[in-house]
Amino acid sequence: MKILSLNVNNFAGRGVSKPIIKDFNTWFEFRKAVVLWRDKSDHYRNAGCVLDLIVSESPDIIFLQEFDVTSDVSVKFLLDMNSLGYEEVFPDNNSEDSIKGFKSITIMLTRISNTIVKSNKTLVDKSLKWVNAEIGDLLISGVHFNYTMEYWDALERFYSLNKDRKLLVIGDLNVYIKGTDRRERFDSILSMGIEDMWLYSGGSNDTITCDTGARLDYALASKSLRDNIFITINDTPINRRFSDHNALIVSIV
């Protein structure tokens, strides 16, 4: 099984700055600017580049962070993915209509027919950034953490409940700098026994997965799964400027 994880920046890439509400006098002006921003041709180009990456890597499971289901380009992208044999899965098995208007969710795309979506509402309030799925005896979580402690509390509880399973947590954790509260919680979770697969596989902590110059994207695995994982980083997204993150590629053998 092959898994790809990428923060797609709402298909804005590295050169399409999103409107910021403080720059506008009224909410109406801001919303109008957002609508125009969503329709820029750059979004379609960047979505096409993501599609090319997926075709090239041919993963079985895909997690995309910062996915805006409301935009026309995202609707077209999902149709393109459907034509390639992938089915979209929204967090907690929500319907597409129920999450219209939400930007920056985490979406899962799968071409494995026996994928079972598991709820995480008991763990974290902002559950649209976290997708849990069971595939056979595997439990796979695609995540996107913000800068609050809520997600770290949830991950700690989640790992405690599932540490004896074949568990993979993959995505943008937004953690790197030593001495920050997020890094302290990350290190605390590692001390509980979950494995940072990039380091376990011999990679360097100085590896860049974001154009800030840091490694913000991670694959974490339980002990029962860690020796069956091969991980690489595809640097095409940053090099071609269609994301400010690189893609994680995990193979489970």
Protein backbone atom coordinates (compact mmCIF):
# COMPACT_ATOMS: atom_id res chain seq x y z
CA MET A 1 0.00 0.00 0.00
CA LYS A 2 1.28 3.45 -0.94
CA ILE A 3 0.20 6.66 0.81
CA LEU A 4 0.81 10.27 -0.27
CA SER A 5 0.36 13.29 2.01
CA LEU A 6 0.58 16.93 0.87
CA ASN A 7 -0.51 20.36 2.06
CA VAL A 8 -1.97 21.86 -1.14
CA ASN A 9 -2.47 25.47 0.11
CA ASN A 10 -6.02 25.54 -1.32
CA PHE A 11 -4.24 25.11 -4.68
CA ALA A 12 -2.87 28.63 -4.25
CA GLY A 13 0.73 27.49 -4.49
CA ARG A 14 3.53 29.79 -3.41
CA GLY A 15 2.65 32.79 -5.54
CA VAL A 16 -1.07 33.48 -5.03
CA SER A 17 -1.44 35.40 -1.80
CA LYS A 18 -4.79 34.95 -0.10
CA PRO A 19 -6.75 38.11 0.85
CA ILE A 20 -6.47 39.05 4.52
CA ILE A 21 -9.54 40.45 6.22
CA LYS A 22 -7.66 43.27 7.97
CA ASP A 23 -6.82 44.76 4.57
CA PHE A 24 -10.51 45.46 3.79
CA ASN A 25 -13.00 47.99 5.17
CA THR A 26 -16.00 45.65 5.12
CA TRP A 27 -16.74 41.93 5.28
CA PHE A 28 -18.49 42.19 1.90
CA GLU A 29 -15.34 43.58 0.23
CA PHE A 30 -13.25 40.81 1.81
CA ARG A 31 -15.61 38.04 0.66
CA LYS A 32 -15.65 39.46 -2.87
CA ALA A 33 -11.86 39.46 -2.93
CA VAL A 34 -11.81 35.83 -1.72
CA VAL A 35 -14.18 34.78 -4.52
CA LEU A 36 -11.93 36.46 -7.10
CA TRP A 37 -8.86 34.89 -5.48
CA ARG A 38 -10.37 31.41 -5.72
CA ASP A 39 -10.95 31.82 -9.46
CA LYS A 40 -7.40 32.82 -10.40
CA SER A 41 -5.93 30.69 -13.18
CA ASP A 42 -2.94 29.86 -10.95
CA HIS A 43 -5.22 27.66 -8.84
CA TYR A 44 -6.07 25.53 -11.86
CA ARG A 45 -2.41 25.25 -12.81
CA ASN A 46 -1.46 24.21 -9.29
CA ALA A 47 -4.29 21.68 -9.10
CA GLY A 48 -3.04 20.25 -12.40
CA CYS A 49 0.44 19.93 -10.94
CA VAL A 50 -0.93 18.07 -7.91
CA LEU A 51 -2.81 15.78 -10.29
CA ASP A 52 0.41 15.14 -12.26
CA LEU A 53 2.22 14.28 -9.01
CA ILE A 54 -0.50 11.81 -8.05
CA VAL A 55 -0.44 10.17 -11.48
CA SER A 56 3.36 9.91 -11.25
CA GLU A 57 3.39 8.40 -7.74
CA SER A 58 0.18 6.33 -8.16
CA PRO A 59 -0.65 6.08 -4.44
CA ASP A 60 -3.50 3.99 -3.08
CA ILE A 61 -4.36 6.51 -0.35
CA ILE A 62 -3.99 10.31 -0.48
CA PHE A 63 -4.32 12.90 2.29
CA LEU A 64 -4.50 16.55 1.20
CA GLN A 65 -4.38 19.31 3.79
CA GLU A 66 -5.75 22.85 3.23
CA PHE A 67 -8.34 21.63 0.75
CA ASP A 68 -11.16 24.08 -0.02
CA VAL A 69 -14.21 22.06 -1.09
CA THR A 70 -16.13 25.24 -1.97
CA SER A 71 -13.93 26.41 -4.83
CA ASP A 72 -14.62 25.53 -8.47
CA VAL A 73 -11.07 24.31 -8.93
CA SER A 74 -11.47 21.82 -6.06
CA VAL A 75 -14.73 20.52 -7.55
CA LYS A 76 -12.96 19.98 -10.88
CA PHE A 77 -10.02 18.33 -9.13
CA LEU A 78 -12.31 15.82 -7.39
CA LEU A 79 -13.95 14.97 -10.71
CA ASP A 80 -10.49 14.38 -12.18
CA MET A 81 -9.64 12.15 -9.22
CA ASN A 82 -12.88 10.22 -9.64
CA SER A 83 -11.92 9.56 -13.27
CA LEU A 84 -8.65 8.07 -12.00
CA GLY A 85 -10.55 5.67 -9.76
CA TYR A 86 -10.31 7.54 -6.44
CA GLU A 87 -13.21 8.17 -4.09
CA GLU A 88 -13.17 11.24 -1.84
CA VAL A 89 -13.62 10.72 1.89
CA PHE A 90 -14.40 13.64 4.19
CA PRO A 91 -13.63 13.70 7.93
CA ASP A 92 -16.14 11.73 10.02
CA ASN A 93 -17.81 10.63 6.76
CA ASN A 94 -19.43 14.05 6.30
CA SER A 95 -21.10 14.69 2.96
CA GLU A 96 -19.60 17.26 0.62
CA ASP A 97 -22.69 19.48 1.01
CA SER A 98 -22.41 19.46 4.82
CA ILE A 99 -18.94 21.00 4.74
CA LYS A 100 -19.43 23.56 1.97
CA GLY A 101 -17.90 26.86 3.01
CA PHE A 102 -15.15 25.25 5.08
CA LYS A 103 -11.68 26.00 3.80
CA SER A 104 -8.50 24.23 4.74
CA ILE A 105 -9.98 20.86 5.64
CA THR A 106 -8.10 17.57 5.38
CA ILE A 107 -9.52 15.29 2.71
CA MET A 108 -8.77 11.64 1.99
CA LEU A 109 -8.84 10.05 -1.45
CA THR A 110 -8.79 6.27 -1.72
CA ARG A 111 -8.96 3.62 -4.39
CA ILE A 112 -9.22 0.82 -1.81
CA SER A 113 -12.78 -0.42 -1.65
CA ASN A 114 -12.82 -1.61 1.98
CA THR A 115 -11.89 1.75 3.54
CA ILE A 116 -13.88 2.37 6.74
CA VAL A 117 -14.01 5.96 8.06
CA LYS A 118 -13.77 6.23 11.86
CA SER A 119 -15.06 9.23 13.81
CA ASN A 120 -12.72 11.39 15.89
CA LYS A 121 -15.29 13.86 17.25
CA THR A 122 -14.71 12.57 20.77
CA LEU A 123 -11.05 13.51 20.48
CA VAL A 124 -10.97 16.96 18.90
CA ASP A 125 -13.58 19.67 18.23
CA LYS A 126 -12.08 20.84 14.95
CA SER A 127 -12.36 17.37 13.45
CA LEU A 128 -12.44 18.54 9.82
CA LYS A 129 -8.63 18.62 9.86
CA TRP A 130 -8.34 14.96 10.91
CA VAL A 131 -9.43 11.87 8.94
CA ASN A 132 -9.32 8.39 10.52
CA ALA A 133 -9.72 5.31 8.35
CA GLU A 134 -9.45 1.57 8.87
CA ILE A 135 -8.17 -0.60 6.03
CA GLY A 136 -8.01 -4.20 7.12
CA ASP A 137 -5.98 -4.26 10.32
CA LEU A 138 -4.43 -0.84 9.62
CA LEU A 139 -5.57 2.39 11.28
CA ILE A 140 -4.44 5.41 9.26
CA SER A 141 -4.90 9.05 10.29
CA GLY A 142 -4.37 12.02 8.00
CA VAL A 143 -3.95 15.19 10.06
CA HIS A 144 -3.24 18.90 9.92
CA PHE A 145 -2.41 20.51 13.27
CA ASN A 146 -2.72 24.20 14.00
CA TYR A 147 -0.81 25.98 16.77
CA THR A 148 -3.11 25.12 19.69
CA MET A 149 -2.61 22.36 22.27
CA GLU A 150 -6.00 20.81 21.50
CA TYR A 151 -4.58 18.63 18.75
CA TRP A 152 -1.65 17.46 20.85
CA ASP A 153 -4.02 16.50 23.67
CA ALA A 154 -6.10 14.58 21.12
CA LEU A 155 -3.10 12.83 19.57
CA GLU A 156 -1.88 11.73 22.98
CA ARG A 157 -5.27 10.23 23.82
CA PHE A 158 -5.59 8.72 20.35
CA TYR A 159 -2.20 7.02 20.53
CA SER A 160 -2.86 5.75 24.07
CA LEU A 161 -6.05 4.08 22.82
CA ASN A 162 -4.45 2.60 19.68
CA LYS A 163 -0.76 2.03 20.47
CA ASP A 164 -1.11 -1.74 20.22
CA ARG A 165 -2.59 -1.53 16.72
CA LYS A 166 -0.89 -1.09 13.36
CA LEU A 167 -1.19 2.70 13.39
CA LEU A 168 0.08 5.40 11.02
CA VAL A 169 -0.39 9.13 11.65
CA ILE A 170 0.66 11.26 8.66
CA GLY A 171 0.41 14.93 7.74
CA ASP A 172 1.36 18.52 8.51
CA LEU A 173 2.02 18.76 12.27
CA ASN A 174 3.42 22.32 12.19
CA VAL A 175 6.15 21.47 14.68
CA TYR A 176 9.89 21.91 14.45
CA ILE A 177 11.48 24.57 16.70
CA LYS A 178 12.98 23.24 19.91
CA GLY A 179 11.79 24.96 23.07
CA THR A 180 8.27 25.65 21.78
CA ASP A 181 5.25 24.15 23.54
CA ARG A 182 4.38 22.21 20.39
CA ARG A 183 7.85 20.66 20.16
CA GLU A 184 7.71 19.72 23.84
CA ARG A 185 4.40 17.93 23.28
CA PHE A 186 5.73 16.26 20.14
CA ASP A 187 8.77 14.97 22.03
CA SER A 188 6.48 13.82 24.86
CA ILE A 189 4.40 11.76 22.43
CA LEU A 190 7.54 10.22 20.94
CA SER A 191 8.56 9.21 24.46
CA MET A 192 5.29 7.25 24.69
CA GLY A 193 6.58 4.91 21.99
CA ILE A 194 5.28 6.16 18.65
CA GLU A 195 8.06 6.37 16.06
CA ASP A 196 9.11 9.31 13.85
CA MET A 197 9.52 7.24 10.70
CA TRP A 198 11.81 9.63 8.84
CA LEU A 199 14.38 9.48 11.65
CA TYR A 200 13.77 5.77 12.27
CA SER A 201 14.57 5.16 8.60
CA GLY A 202 17.87 7.05 8.88
CA GLY A 203 16.76 10.49 7.67
CA SER A 204 17.91 13.79 9.12
CA ASN A 205 15.88 16.10 11.35
CA ASP A 206 17.23 18.95 9.19
CA THR A 207 15.35 17.65 6.16
CA ILE A 208 13.12 20.37 4.70
CA THR A 209 9.47 19.65 3.95
CA CYS A 210 8.32 23.30 3.96
CA ASP A 211 9.79 26.35 2.27
CA THR A 212 10.21 27.96 5.70
CA GLY A 213 13.29 25.73 5.87
CA ALA A 214 11.82 23.30 8.40
CA ARG A 215 10.49 19.76 8.56
CA LEU A 216 6.81 20.27 9.36
CA ASP A 217 5.41 17.10 7.78
CA TYR A 218 5.66 13.77 9.58
CA ALA A 219 4.76 10.11 9.44
CA LEU A 220 4.46 8.53 12.89
CA ALA A 221 3.97 4.80 13.37
CA SER A 222 3.30 2.36 16.17
CA LYS A 223 5.95 -0.24 17.02
CA SER A 224 3.95 -3.03 15.41
CA LEU A 225 4.03 -1.22 12.04
CA ARG A 226 7.35 0.64 11.96
CA ASP A 227 9.43 -2.14 10.38
CA ASN A 228 6.96 -2.47 7.51
CA ILE A 229 7.24 1.18 6.41
CA PHE A 230 9.42 2.77 3.75
CA ILE A 231 9.28 6.58 3.59
CA THR A 232 10.51 9.13 1.03
CA ILE A 233 10.01 12.85 0.41
CA ASN A 234 9.05 14.12 -3.04
CA ASP A 235 10.39 17.68 -3.46
CA THR A 236 8.54 18.43 -6.71
CA PRO A 237 5.84 20.65 -5.07
CA ILE A 238 8.30 23.20 -3.67
CA ASN A 239 10.61 23.01 -6.70
CA ARG A 240 7.68 23.67 -9.08
CA ARG A 241 6.10 26.19 -6.70
CA PHE A 242 2.65 24.59 -6.60
CA SER A 243 2.85 24.22 -2.81
CA ASP A 244 5.00 25.51 0.02
CA HIS A 245 5.25 21.91 1.30
CA ASN A 246 6.82 18.80 -0.14
CA ALA A 247 4.94 15.51 -0.32
CA LEU A 248 5.47 12.58 2.02
CA ILE A 249 5.35 9.18 0.37
CA VAL A 250 4.90 6.16 2.64
CA SER A 251 4.85 2.55 1.45
CA ILE A 252 3.58 -0.18 3.77
CA VAL A 253 4.86 -3.65 2.90
